[in-house]
Amino acid sequence: MAKTTRSSRGVTVDFDLLSIQNQLAASPKPANVMVREQLIDKKLRRRTKKLIDQLSTEDTDSTDTEQPLTPEIPQ
């Protein structure tokens, strides 16, 4: 029988399910999962590097063409 109880907020808590989840989280990951995670991390790092490079080039381009903040008054 599952050990379930209600919390003070009224949420049903299953302690057997929590213990199973803790055991799964503590177990080592299979090799194919680790390879897939590394592939995803490489793609994300590459994408963030490209975004940072694009933002830095856009910032330098926009500073070259900016107009002065105060308009020139003819005299």
PDB file of N, CA and C in Angstrom:
ATOM      1  N   MET A   1       0.838  -1.176   0.000  1.00  0.00           N
ATOM      2  CA  MET A   1       0.000   0.000   0.000  1.00  0.00           C
ATOM      3  C   MET A   1       0.890   1.249   0.000  1.00  0.00           C
ATOM      4  N   ALA A   2       0.562   2.205  -0.811  1.00  0.00           N
ATOM      5  CA  ALA A   2       1.342   3.425  -0.922  1.00  0.00           C
ATOM      6  C   ALA A   2       1.114   4.310   0.294  1.00  0.00           C
ATOM      7  N   LYS A   3       2.202   4.928   0.736  1.00  0.00           N
ATOM      8  CA  LYS A   3       2.109   5.844   1.871  1.00  0.00           C
ATOM      9  C   LYS A   3       1.754   7.229   1.341  1.00  0.00           C
ATOM     10  N   THR A   4       0.491   7.575   1.375  1.00  0.00           N
ATOM     11  CA  THR A   4       0.057   8.886   0.922  1.00  0.00           C
ATOM     12  C   THR A   4      -0.537   9.637   2.093  1.00  0.00           C
ATOM     13  N   THR A   5      -0.363  10.925   2.080  1.00  0.00           N
ATOM     14  CA  THR A   5      -0.919  11.792   3.110  1.00  0.00           C
ATOM     15  C   THR A   5      -1.162  13.160   2.498  1.00  0.00           C
ATOM     16  N   ARG A   6      -1.891  13.973   3.180  1.00  0.00           N
ATOM     17  CA  ARG A   6      -2.161  15.334   2.711  1.00  0.00           C
ATOM     18  C   ARG A   6      -1.271  16.308   3.471  1.00  0.00           C
ATOM     19  N   SER A   7      -0.700  17.248   2.729  1.00  0.00           N
ATOM     20  CA  SER A   7       0.124  18.273   3.357  1.00  0.00           C
ATOM     21  C   SER A   7      -0.778  19.349   3.944  1.00  0.00           C
ATOM     22  N   SER A   8      -0.173  20.304   4.621  1.00  0.00           N
ATOM     23  CA  SER A   8      -0.962  21.379   5.217  1.00  0.00           C
ATOM     24  C   SER A   8      -1.615  22.262   4.152  1.00  0.00           C
ATOM     25  N   ARG A   9      -1.089  22.231   2.952  1.00  0.00           N
ATOM     26  CA  ARG A   9      -1.687  22.997   1.848  1.00  0.00           C
ATOM     27  C   ARG A   9      -2.774  22.214   1.126  1.00  0.00           C
ATOM     28  N   GLY A  10      -2.954  20.967   1.481  1.00  0.00           N
ATOM     29  CA  GLY A  10      -3.986  20.154   0.864  1.00  0.00           C
ATOM     30  C   GLY A  10      -3.517  19.350  -0.326  1.00  0.00           C
ATOM     31  N   VAL A  11      -2.213  19.309  -0.548  1.00  0.00           N
ATOM     32  CA  VAL A  11      -1.649  18.560  -1.668  1.00  0.00           C
ATOM     33  C   VAL A  11      -1.377  17.133  -1.206  1.00  0.00           C
ATOM     34  N   THR A  12      -1.755  16.149  -2.018  1.00  0.00           N
ATOM     35  CA  THR A  12      -1.491  14.755  -1.692  1.00  0.00           C
ATOM     36  C   THR A  12      -0.026  14.441  -1.952  1.00  0.00           C
ATOM     37  N   VAL A  13       0.647  13.877  -0.940  1.00  0.00           N
ATOM     38  CA  VAL A  13       2.062  13.552  -1.036  1.00  0.00           C
ATOM     39  C   VAL A  13       2.206  12.039  -0.947  1.00  0.00           C
ATOM     40  N   ASP A  14       2.892  11.441  -1.933  1.00  0.00           N
ATOM     41  CA  ASP A  14       3.133  10.005  -1.958  1.00  0.00           C
ATOM     42  C   ASP A  14       4.594   9.762  -1.600  1.00  0.00           C
ATOM     43  N   PHE A  15       4.842   9.268  -0.390  1.00  0.00           N
ATOM     44  CA  PHE A  15       6.210   9.089   0.087  1.00  0.00           C
ATOM     45  C   PHE A  15       6.923   7.956  -0.628  1.00  0.00           C
ATOM     46  N   ASP A  16       6.197   6.918  -1.056  1.00  0.00           N
ATOM     47  CA  ASP A  16       6.819   5.840  -1.817  1.00  0.00           C
ATOM     48  C   ASP A  16       7.322   6.357  -3.163  1.00  0.00           C
ATOM     49  N   LEU A  17       6.531   7.188  -3.810  1.00  0.00           N
ATOM     50  CA  LEU A  17       6.941   7.768  -5.090  1.00  0.00           C
ATOM     51  C   LEU A  17       8.155   8.669  -4.908  1.00  0.00           C
ATOM     52  N   LEU A  18       8.190   9.441  -3.835  1.00  0.00           N
ATOM     53  CA  LEU A  18       9.344  10.303  -3.572  1.00  0.00           C
ATOM     54  C   LEU A  18      10.616   9.488  -3.349  1.00  0.00           C
ATOM     55  N   SER A  19      10.510   8.377  -2.641  1.00  0.00           N
ATOM     56  CA  SER A  19      11.695   7.549  -2.408  1.00  0.00           C
ATOM     57  C   SER A  19      12.184   6.916  -3.712  1.00  0.00           C
ATOM     58  N   ILE A  20      11.266   6.493  -4.572  1.00  0.00           N
ATOM     59  CA  ILE A  20      11.656   5.930  -5.876  1.00  0.00           C
ATOM     60  C   ILE A  20      12.338   6.985  -6.727  1.00  0.00           C
ATOM     61  N   GLN A  21      11.806   8.206  -6.731  1.00  0.00           N
ATOM     62  CA  GLN A  21      12.413   9.280  -7.507  1.00  0.00           C
ATOM     63  C   GLN A  21      13.817   9.596  -6.993  1.00  0.00           C
ATOM     64  N   ASN A  22      14.015   9.572  -5.684  1.00  0.00           N
ATOM     65  CA  ASN A  22      15.345   9.821  -5.125  1.00  0.00           C
ATOM     66  C   ASN A  22      16.321   8.728  -5.529  1.00  0.00           C
ATOM     67  N   GLN A  23      15.874   7.477  -5.565  1.00  0.00           N
ATOM     68  CA  GLN A  23      16.744   6.387  -5.971  1.00  0.00           C
ATOM     69  C   GLN A  23      17.130   6.515  -7.442  1.00  0.00           C
ATOM     70  N   LEU A  24      16.193   6.918  -8.282  1.00  0.00           N
ATOM     71  CA  LEU A  24      16.496   7.087  -9.707  1.00  0.00           C
ATOM     72  C   LEU A  24      17.450   8.245  -9.933  1.00  0.00           C
ATOM     73  N   ALA A  25      17.285   9.309  -9.179  1.00  0.00           N
ATOM     74  CA  ALA A  25      18.156  10.470  -9.341  1.00  0.00           C
ATOM     75  C   ALA A  25      19.574  10.154  -8.895  1.00  0.00           C
ATOM     76  N   ALA A  26      19.723   9.263  -7.923  1.00  0.00           N
ATOM     77  CA  ALA A  26      21.048   8.937  -7.404  1.00  0.00           C
ATOM     78  C   ALA A  26      21.783   7.945  -8.296  1.00  0.00           C
ATOM     79  N   SER A  27      21.086   7.203  -9.135  1.00  0.00           N
ATOM     80  CA  SER A  27      21.740   6.197  -9.976  1.00  0.00           C
ATOM     81  C   SER A  27      22.497   6.882 -11.113  1.00  0.00           C
ATOM     82  N   PRO A  28      23.619   6.289 -11.553  1.00  0.00           N
ATOM     83  CA  PRO A  28      24.382   6.889 -12.654  1.00  0.00           C
ATOM     84  C   PRO A  28      23.604   6.814 -13.969  1.00  0.00           C
ATOM     85  N   LYS A  29      23.888   7.761 -14.831  1.00  0.00           N
ATOM     86  CA  LYS A  29      23.203   7.818 -16.125  1.00  0.00           C
ATOM     87  C   LYS A  29      23.826   6.820 -17.097  1.00  0.00           C
ATOM     88  N   PRO A  30      23.021   6.251 -17.975  1.00  0.00           N
ATOM     89  CA  PRO A  30      23.574   5.357 -19.010  1.00  0.00           C
ATOM     90  C   PRO A  30      24.466   6.137 -19.980  1.00  0.00           C
ATOM     91  N   ALA A  31      25.317   5.412 -20.685  1.00  0.00           N
ATOM     92  CA  ALA A  31      26.291   6.036 -21.588  1.00  0.00           C
ATOM     93  C   ALA A  31      25.609   6.809 -22.701  1.00  0.00           C
ATOM     94  N   ASN A  32      24.521   6.262 -23.278  1.00  0.00           N
ATOM     95  CA  ASN A  32      23.878   6.964 -24.394  1.00  0.00           C
ATOM     96  C   ASN A  32      23.217   8.264 -23.927  1.00  0.00           C
ATOM     97  N   VAL A  33      22.764   8.305 -22.690  1.00  0.00           N
ATOM     98  CA  VAL A  33      22.178   9.543 -22.164  1.00  0.00           C
ATOM     99  C   VAL A  33      23.262  10.591 -21.970  1.00  0.00           C
ATOM    100  N   MET A  34      24.417  10.177 -21.470  1.00  0.00           N
ATOM    101  CA  MET A  34      25.515  11.128 -21.268  1.00  0.00           C
ATOM    102  C   MET A  34      26.003  11.698 -22.594  1.00  0.00           C
ATOM    103  N   VAL A  35      26.074  10.860 -23.637  1.00  0.00           N
ATOM    104  CA  VAL A  35      26.506  11.327 -24.958  1.00  0.00           C
ATOM    105  C   VAL A  35      25.497  12.328 -25.515  1.00  0.00           C
ATOM    106  N   ARG A  36      24.214  12.040 -25.349  1.00  0.00           N
ATOM    107  CA  ARG A  36      23.172  12.937 -25.844  1.00  0.00           C
ATOM    108  C   ARG A  36      23.211  14.275 -25.107  1.00  0.00           C
ATOM    109  N   GLU A  37      23.447  14.253 -23.797  1.00  0.00           N
ATOM    110  CA  GLU A  37      23.546  15.495 -23.032  1.00  0.00           C
ATOM    111  C   GLU A  37      24.737  16.329 -23.493  1.00  0.00           C
ATOM    112  N   GLN A  38      25.864  15.677 -23.752  1.00  0.00           N
ATOM    113  CA  GLN A  38      27.040  16.406 -24.224  1.00  0.00           C
ATOM    114  C   GLN A  38      26.782  17.034 -25.583  1.00  0.00           C
ATOM    115  N   LEU A  39      26.089  16.326 -26.461  1.00  0.00           N
ATOM    116  CA  LEU A  39      25.769  16.869 -27.782  1.00  0.00           C
ATOM    117  C   LEU A  39      24.886  18.112 -27.638  1.00  0.00           C
ATOM    118  N   ILE A  40      23.892  18.032 -26.789  1.00  0.00           N
ATOM    119  CA  ILE A  40      22.985  19.167 -26.575  1.00  0.00           C
ATOM    120  C   ILE A  40      23.745  20.339 -25.977  1.00  0.00           C
ATOM    121  N   ASP A  41      24.625  20.066 -25.013  1.00  0.00           N
ATOM    122  CA  ASP A  41      25.396  21.140 -24.398  1.00  0.00           C
ATOM    123  C   ASP A  41      26.303  21.825 -25.409  1.00  0.00           C
ATOM    124  N   LYS A  42      26.913  21.048 -26.301  1.00  0.00           N
ATOM    125  CA  LYS A  42      27.770  21.641 -27.326  1.00  0.00           C
ATOM    126  C   LYS A  42      26.971  22.560 -28.237  1.00  0.00           C
ATOM    127  N   LYS A  43      25.776  22.114 -28.624  1.00  0.00           N
ATOM    128  CA  LYS A  43      24.934  22.934 -29.501  1.00  0.00           C
ATOM    129  C   LYS A  43      24.530  24.216 -28.794  1.00  0.00           C
ATOM    130  N   LEU A  44      24.171  24.114 -27.531  1.00  0.00           N
ATOM    131  CA  LEU A  44      23.756  25.308 -26.790  1.00  0.00           C
ATOM    132  C   LEU A  44      24.912  26.278 -26.616  1.00  0.00           C
ATOM    133  N   ARG A  45      26.106  25.739 -26.321  1.00  0.00           N
ATOM    134  CA  ARG A  45      27.261  26.621 -26.172  1.00  0.00           C
ATOM    135  C   ARG A  45      27.577  27.329 -27.474  1.00  0.00           C
ATOM    136  N   ARG A  46      27.482  26.593 -28.584  1.00  0.00           N
ATOM    137  CA  ARG A  46      27.754  27.175 -29.891  1.00  0.00           C
ATOM    138  C   ARG A  46      26.728  28.257 -30.202  1.00  0.00           C
ATOM    139  N   ARG A  47      25.448  27.980 -29.901  1.00  0.00           N
ATOM    140  CA  ARG A  47      24.381  28.935 -30.187  1.00  0.00           C
ATOM    141  C   ARG A  47      24.543  30.200 -29.346  1.00  0.00           C
ATOM    142  N   THR A  48      24.870  30.052 -28.066  1.00  0.00           N
ATOM    143  CA  THR A  48      25.032  31.239 -27.224  1.00  0.00           C
ATOM    144  C   THR A  48      26.245  32.037 -27.656  1.00  0.00           C
ATOM    145  N   LYS A  49      27.306  31.347 -28.102  1.00  0.00           N
ATOM    146  CA  LYS A  49      28.483  32.065 -28.575  1.00  0.00           C
ATOM    147  C   LYS A  49      28.142  32.874 -29.823  1.00  0.00           C
ATOM    148  N   LYS A  50      27.356  32.284 -30.745  1.00  0.00           N
ATOM    149  CA  LYS A  50      26.953  32.999 -31.947  1.00  0.00           C
ATOM    150  C   LYS A  50      26.096  34.212 -31.588  1.00  0.00           C
ATOM    151  N   LEU A  51      25.173  34.030 -30.643  1.00  0.00           N
ATOM    152  CA  LEU A  51      24.312  35.144 -30.238  1.00  0.00           C
ATOM    153  C   LEU A  51      25.125  36.265 -29.616  1.00  0.00           C
ATOM    154  N   ILE A  52      26.090  35.920 -28.787  1.00  0.00           N
ATOM    155  CA  ILE A  52      26.925  36.933 -28.153  1.00  0.00           C
ATOM    156  C   ILE A  52      27.730  37.671 -29.211  1.00  0.00           C
ATOM    157  N   ASP A  53      28.270  36.936 -30.196  1.00  0.00           N
ATOM    158  CA  ASP A  53      29.034  37.568 -31.266  1.00  0.00           C
ATOM    159  C   ASP A  53      28.148  38.505 -32.084  1.00  0.00           C
ATOM    160  N   GLN A  54      26.918  38.083 -32.374  1.00  0.00           N
ATOM    161  CA  GLN A  54      26.005  38.925 -33.139  1.00  0.00           C
ATOM    162  C   GLN A  54      25.645  40.185 -32.363  1.00  0.00           C
ATOM    163  N   LEU A  55      25.384  40.040 -31.087  1.00  0.00           N
ATOM    164  CA  LEU A  55      25.028  41.199 -30.270  1.00  0.00           C
ATOM    165  C   LEU A  55      26.188  42.172 -30.165  1.00  0.00           C
ATOM    166  N   SER A  56      27.396  41.665 -30.033  1.00  0.00           N
ATOM    167  CA  SER A  56      28.540  42.555 -29.916  1.00  0.00           C
ATOM    168  C   SER A  56      28.788  43.299 -31.232  1.00  0.00           C
ATOM    169  N   THR A  57      28.588  42.640 -32.381  1.00  0.00           N
ATOM    170  CA  THR A  57      28.778  43.330 -33.652  1.00  0.00           C
ATOM    171  C   THR A  57      27.658  44.334 -33.893  1.00  0.00           C
ATOM    172  N   GLU A  58      26.450  44.028 -33.463  1.00  0.00           N
ATOM    173  CA  GLU A  58      25.347  44.980 -33.616  1.00  0.00           C
ATOM    174  C   GLU A  58      25.570  46.203 -32.743  1.00  0.00           C
ATOM    175  N   ASP A  59      26.116  46.001 -31.556  1.00  0.00           N
ATOM    176  CA  ASP A  59      26.388  47.132 -30.667  1.00  0.00           C
ATOM    177  C   ASP A  59      27.448  48.046 -31.252  1.00  0.00           C
ATOM    178  N   THR A  60      28.496  47.485 -31.835  1.00  0.00           N
ATOM    179  CA  THR A  60      29.542  48.315 -32.411  1.00  0.00           C
ATOM    180  C   THR A  60      29.040  49.017 -33.667  1.00  0.00           C
ATOM    181  N   ASP A  61      28.191  48.361 -34.451  1.00  0.00           N
ATOM    182  CA  ASP A  61      27.645  48.988 -35.651  1.00  0.00           C
ATOM    183  C   ASP A  61      26.711  50.134 -35.284  1.00  0.00           C
ATOM    184  N   SER A  62      25.910  49.966 -34.255  1.00  0.00           N
ATOM    185  CA  SER A  62      24.943  51.000 -33.895  1.00  0.00           C
ATOM    186  C   SER A  62      25.621  52.207 -33.264  1.00  0.00           C
ATOM    187  N   THR A  63      26.761  52.021 -32.599  1.00  0.00           N
ATOM    188  CA  THR A  63      27.436  53.167 -31.978  1.00  0.00           C
ATOM    189  C   THR A  63      28.100  54.035 -33.036  1.00  0.00           C
ATOM    190  N   ASP A  64      28.467  53.467 -34.181  1.00  0.00           N
ATOM    191  CA  ASP A  64      29.104  54.244 -35.235  1.00  0.00           C
ATOM    192  C   ASP A  64      28.113  55.165 -35.934  1.00  0.00           C
ATOM    193  N   THR A  65      26.863  54.782 -36.014  1.00  0.00           N
ATOM    194  CA  THR A  65      25.896  55.554 -36.775  1.00  0.00           C
ATOM    195  C   THR A  65      24.941  56.355 -35.895  1.00  0.00           C
ATOM    196  N   GLU A  66      25.199  56.411 -34.598  1.00  0.00           N
ATOM    197  CA  GLU A  66      24.279  57.134 -33.716  1.00  0.00           C
ATOM    198  C   GLU A  66      24.351  58.644 -33.972  1.00  0.00           C
ATOM    199  N   GLN A  67      23.226  59.278 -33.837  1.00  0.00           N
ATOM    200  CA  GLN A  67      23.130  60.718 -33.959  1.00  0.00           C
ATOM    201  C   GLN A  67      23.407  61.337 -32.580  1.00  0.00           C
ATOM    202  N   PRO A  68      23.871  62.564 -32.536  1.00  0.00           N
ATOM    203  CA  PRO A  68      24.083  63.198 -31.231  1.00  0.00           C
ATOM    204  C   PRO A  68      22.748  63.368 -30.505  1.00  0.00           C
ATOM    205  N   LEU A  69      22.803  63.362 -29.192  1.00  0.00           N
ATOM    206  CA  LEU A  69      21.588  63.459 -28.401  1.00  0.00           C
ATOM    207  C   LEU A  69      20.991  64.865 -28.440  1.00  0.00           C
ATOM    208  N   THR A  70      21.845  65.877 -28.480  1.00  0.00           N
ATOM    209  CA  THR A  70      21.342  67.251 -28.493  1.00  0.00           C
ATOM    210  C   THR A  70      21.380  67.778 -29.929  1.00  0.00           C
ATOM    211  N   PRO A  71      20.266  68.330 -30.390  1.00  0.00           N
ATOM    212  CA  PRO A  71      20.279  68.868 -31.758  1.00  0.00           C
ATOM    213  C   PRO A  71      21.119  70.147 -31.843  1.00  0.00           C
ATOM    214  N   GLU A  72      21.705  70.323 -32.995  1.00  0.00           N
ATOM    215  CA  GLU A  72      22.511  71.539 -33.196  1.00  0.00           C
ATOM    216  C   GLU A  72      21.584  72.723 -33.485  1.00  0.00           C
ATOM    217  N   ILE A  73      21.841  73.811 -32.810  1.00  0.00           N
ATOM    218  CA  ILE A  73      21.012  75.013 -32.988  1.00  0.00           C
ATOM    219  C   ILE A  73      21.773  75.960 -33.917  1.00  0.00           C
ATOM    220  N   PRO A  74      21.156  76.324 -35.048  1.00  0.00           N
ATOM    221  CA  PRO A  74      21.846  77.253 -35.960  1.00  0.00           C
ATOM    222  C   PRO A  74      21.912  78.665 -35.342  1.00  0.00           C
ATOM    223  N   GLN A  75      23.020  79.354 -35.585  1.00  0.00           N
ATOM    224  CA  GLN A  75      23.171  80.711 -35.016  1.00  0.00           C
ATOM    225  C   GLN A  75      23.283  81.756 -36.079  1.00  0.00           C
TER     226      GLN A  75
END
